[in-house]
Amino acid sequence: MNPLNYAILKFVTKTDEACADCVMDALKDQYGHFKAFKKHSIINALMTAEANGLLEESRFDLDSNEELRVYYRAHEEGAATINRYIKD
């Protein structure tokens, strides 16, 4: 099993775009018991990957609770880098 941050990055490379809620839904069965499996930690991991050039923001909206959701996608170069270093 990969570390949680690796799993987040790999998930984003396998989908058109994802927000923290999407990541949590997709990874909860495998990683739900991890201490760091909290929304703020996942948002932090996504933002860090974006700041490091691996992901980019694709859009944003408000959820049903009027909370901001930022969606990220792995551009071609970012996906290639992630896939080069993190194997399935």
C-alpha atoms as a PDB file:
ATOM      1  CA  MET A   1       0.000   0.000   0.000  1.00  0.00           C
ATOM      2  CA  ASN A   2       1.328   3.425  -0.982  1.00  0.00           C
ATOM      3  CA  PRO A   3       1.529   6.325   1.473  1.00  0.00           C
ATOM      4  CA  LEU A   4      -1.632   8.443   1.510  1.00  0.00           C
ATOM      5  CA  ASN A   5      -0.075  11.392  -0.338  1.00  0.00           C
ATOM      6  CA  TYR A   6       1.073   9.059  -3.113  1.00  0.00           C
ATOM      7  CA  ALA A   7      -2.406   7.574  -3.368  1.00  0.00           C
ATOM      8  CA  ILE A   8      -3.913  11.069  -3.663  1.00  0.00           C
ATOM      9  CA  LEU A   9      -1.567  11.979  -6.507  1.00  0.00           C
ATOM     10  CA  LYS A  10      -2.141   8.684  -8.335  1.00  0.00           C
ATOM     11  CA  PHE A  11      -5.913   9.079  -8.007  1.00  0.00           C
ATOM     12  CA  VAL A  12      -5.833  12.516  -9.606  1.00  0.00           C
ATOM     13  CA  THR A  13      -3.856  11.124 -12.558  1.00  0.00           C
ATOM     14  CA  LYS A  14      -6.618   8.568 -13.158  1.00  0.00           C
ATOM     15  CA  THR A  15      -9.520  11.004 -13.301  1.00  0.00           C
ATOM     16  CA  ASP A  16     -10.326  14.142 -15.292  1.00  0.00           C
ATOM     17  CA  GLU A  17     -10.451  16.277 -12.156  1.00  0.00           C
ATOM     18  CA  ALA A  18     -10.980  15.850  -8.433  1.00  0.00           C
ATOM     19  CA  CYS A  19     -11.660  17.856  -5.298  1.00  0.00           C
ATOM     20  CA  ALA A  20     -10.894  16.806  -1.717  1.00  0.00           C
ATOM     21  CA  ASP A  21     -14.376  15.275  -1.381  1.00  0.00           C
ATOM     22  CA  CYS A  22     -13.811  13.189  -4.533  1.00  0.00           C
ATOM     23  CA  VAL A  23     -10.487  11.972  -3.184  1.00  0.00           C
ATOM     24  CA  MET A  24     -12.014  11.060   0.162  1.00  0.00           C
ATOM     25  CA  ASP A  25     -14.839   9.121  -1.480  1.00  0.00           C
ATOM     26  CA  ALA A  26     -12.423   7.216  -3.697  1.00  0.00           C
ATOM     27  CA  LEU A  27      -9.849   6.373  -1.038  1.00  0.00           C
ATOM     28  CA  LYS A  28     -11.941   5.918   2.123  1.00  0.00           C
ATOM     29  CA  ASP A  29     -12.038   2.106   1.925  1.00  0.00           C
ATOM     30  CA  GLN A  30      -8.250   1.774   1.846  1.00  0.00           C
ATOM     31  CA  TYR A  31      -7.155   4.857   3.782  1.00  0.00           C
ATOM     32  CA  GLY A  32     -10.137   5.793   5.955  1.00  0.00           C
ATOM     33  CA  HIS A  33      -8.433   4.462   9.082  1.00  0.00           C
ATOM     34  CA  PHE A  34      -5.320   6.643   8.585  1.00  0.00           C
ATOM     35  CA  LYS A  35      -4.877   9.419  11.106  1.00  0.00           C
ATOM     36  CA  ALA A  36      -4.159  11.920   8.288  1.00  0.00           C
ATOM     37  CA  PHE A  37      -7.301  10.962   6.354  1.00  0.00           C
ATOM     38  CA  LYS A  38      -9.058  14.240   7.111  1.00  0.00           C
ATOM     39  CA  LYS A  39     -10.390  16.768   4.662  1.00  0.00           C
ATOM     40  CA  HIS A  40      -7.972  19.528   5.647  1.00  0.00           C
ATOM     41  CA  SER A  41      -4.993  17.169   5.212  1.00  0.00           C
ATOM     42  CA  ILE A  42      -6.168  16.128   1.762  1.00  0.00           C
ATOM     43  CA  ILE A  43      -6.713  19.748   0.752  1.00  0.00           C
ATOM     44  CA  ASN A  44      -3.202  20.502   1.987  1.00  0.00           C
ATOM     45  CA  ALA A  45      -1.760  17.624  -0.086  1.00  0.00           C
ATOM     46  CA  LEU A  46      -3.594  18.834  -3.214  1.00  0.00           C
ATOM     47  CA  MET A  47      -2.481  22.422  -2.696  1.00  0.00           C
ATOM     48  CA  THR A  48       1.116  21.326  -2.122  1.00  0.00           C
ATOM     49  CA  ALA A  49       1.096  19.282  -5.328  1.00  0.00           C
ATOM     50  CA  GLU A  50      -0.304  22.307  -7.175  1.00  0.00           C
ATOM     51  CA  ALA A  51       2.365  24.597  -5.692  1.00  0.00           C
ATOM     52  CA  ASN A  52       5.025  22.096  -6.811  1.00  0.00           C
ATOM     53  CA  GLY A  53       3.708  22.057 -10.371  1.00  0.00           C
ATOM     54  CA  LEU A  54       2.316  18.510 -10.371  1.00  0.00           C
ATOM     55  CA  LEU A  55      -1.361  19.514 -10.459  1.00  0.00           C
ATOM     56  CA  GLU A  56      -3.308  22.556 -11.571  1.00  0.00           C
ATOM     57  CA  GLU A  57      -6.641  24.016 -10.547  1.00  0.00           C
ATOM     58  CA  SER A  58      -9.336  23.191 -13.072  1.00  0.00           C
ATOM     59  CA  ARG A  59     -12.402  24.849 -11.537  1.00  0.00           C
ATOM     60  CA  PHE A  60     -14.162  25.646  -8.291  1.00  0.00           C
ATOM     61  CA  ASP A  61     -17.707  25.704  -6.955  1.00  0.00           C
ATOM     62  CA  LEU A  62     -19.689  25.642  -3.717  1.00  0.00           C
ATOM     63  CA  ASP A  63     -20.968  22.441  -2.151  1.00  0.00           C
ATOM     64  CA  SER A  64     -24.418  22.052  -0.573  1.00  0.00           C
ATOM     65  CA  ASN A  65     -23.081  23.620   2.656  1.00  0.00           C
ATOM     66  CA  GLU A  66     -21.801  26.669   0.749  1.00  0.00           C
ATOM     67  CA  GLU A  67     -18.178  25.580   1.284  1.00  0.00           C
ATOM     68  CA  LEU A  68     -15.672  26.197  -1.480  1.00  0.00           C
ATOM     69  CA  ARG A  69     -14.571  23.130  -3.457  1.00  0.00           C
ATOM     70  CA  VAL A  70     -11.465  23.479  -5.580  1.00  0.00           C
ATOM     71  CA  TYR A  71     -10.980  20.899  -8.317  1.00  0.00           C
ATOM     72  CA  TYR A  72      -7.535  19.873  -9.508  1.00  0.00           C
ATOM     73  CA  ARG A  73      -6.298  17.992 -12.539  1.00  0.00           C
ATOM     74  CA  ALA A  74      -2.974  16.485 -13.467  1.00  0.00           C
ATOM     75  CA  HIS A  75      -1.701  18.183 -16.624  1.00  0.00           C
ATOM     76  CA  GLU A  76       0.326  16.074 -19.049  1.00  0.00           C
ATOM     77  CA  GLU A  77       3.750  16.871 -17.615  1.00  0.00           C
ATOM     78  CA  GLY A  78       2.560  16.560 -14.000  1.00  0.00           C
ATOM     79  CA  ALA A  79       0.903  13.200 -14.670  1.00  0.00           C
ATOM     80  CA  ALA A  80       4.069  11.945 -16.382  1.00  0.00           C
ATOM     81  CA  THR A  81       6.182  12.983 -13.400  1.00  0.00           C
ATOM     82  CA  ILE A  82       3.797  11.405 -10.881  1.00  0.00           C
ATOM     83  CA  ASN A  83       3.593   8.168 -12.870  1.00  0.00           C
ATOM     84  CA  ARG A  84       7.366   8.040 -13.314  1.00  0.00           C
ATOM     85  CA  TYR A  85       8.022   8.131  -9.570  1.00  0.00           C
ATOM     86  CA  ILE A  86       4.915   6.453  -8.132  1.00  0.00           C
ATOM     87  CA  LYS A  87       4.178   3.043  -9.586  1.00  0.00           C
ATOM     88  CA  ASP A  88       0.829   1.272  -9.335  1.00  0.00           C
END
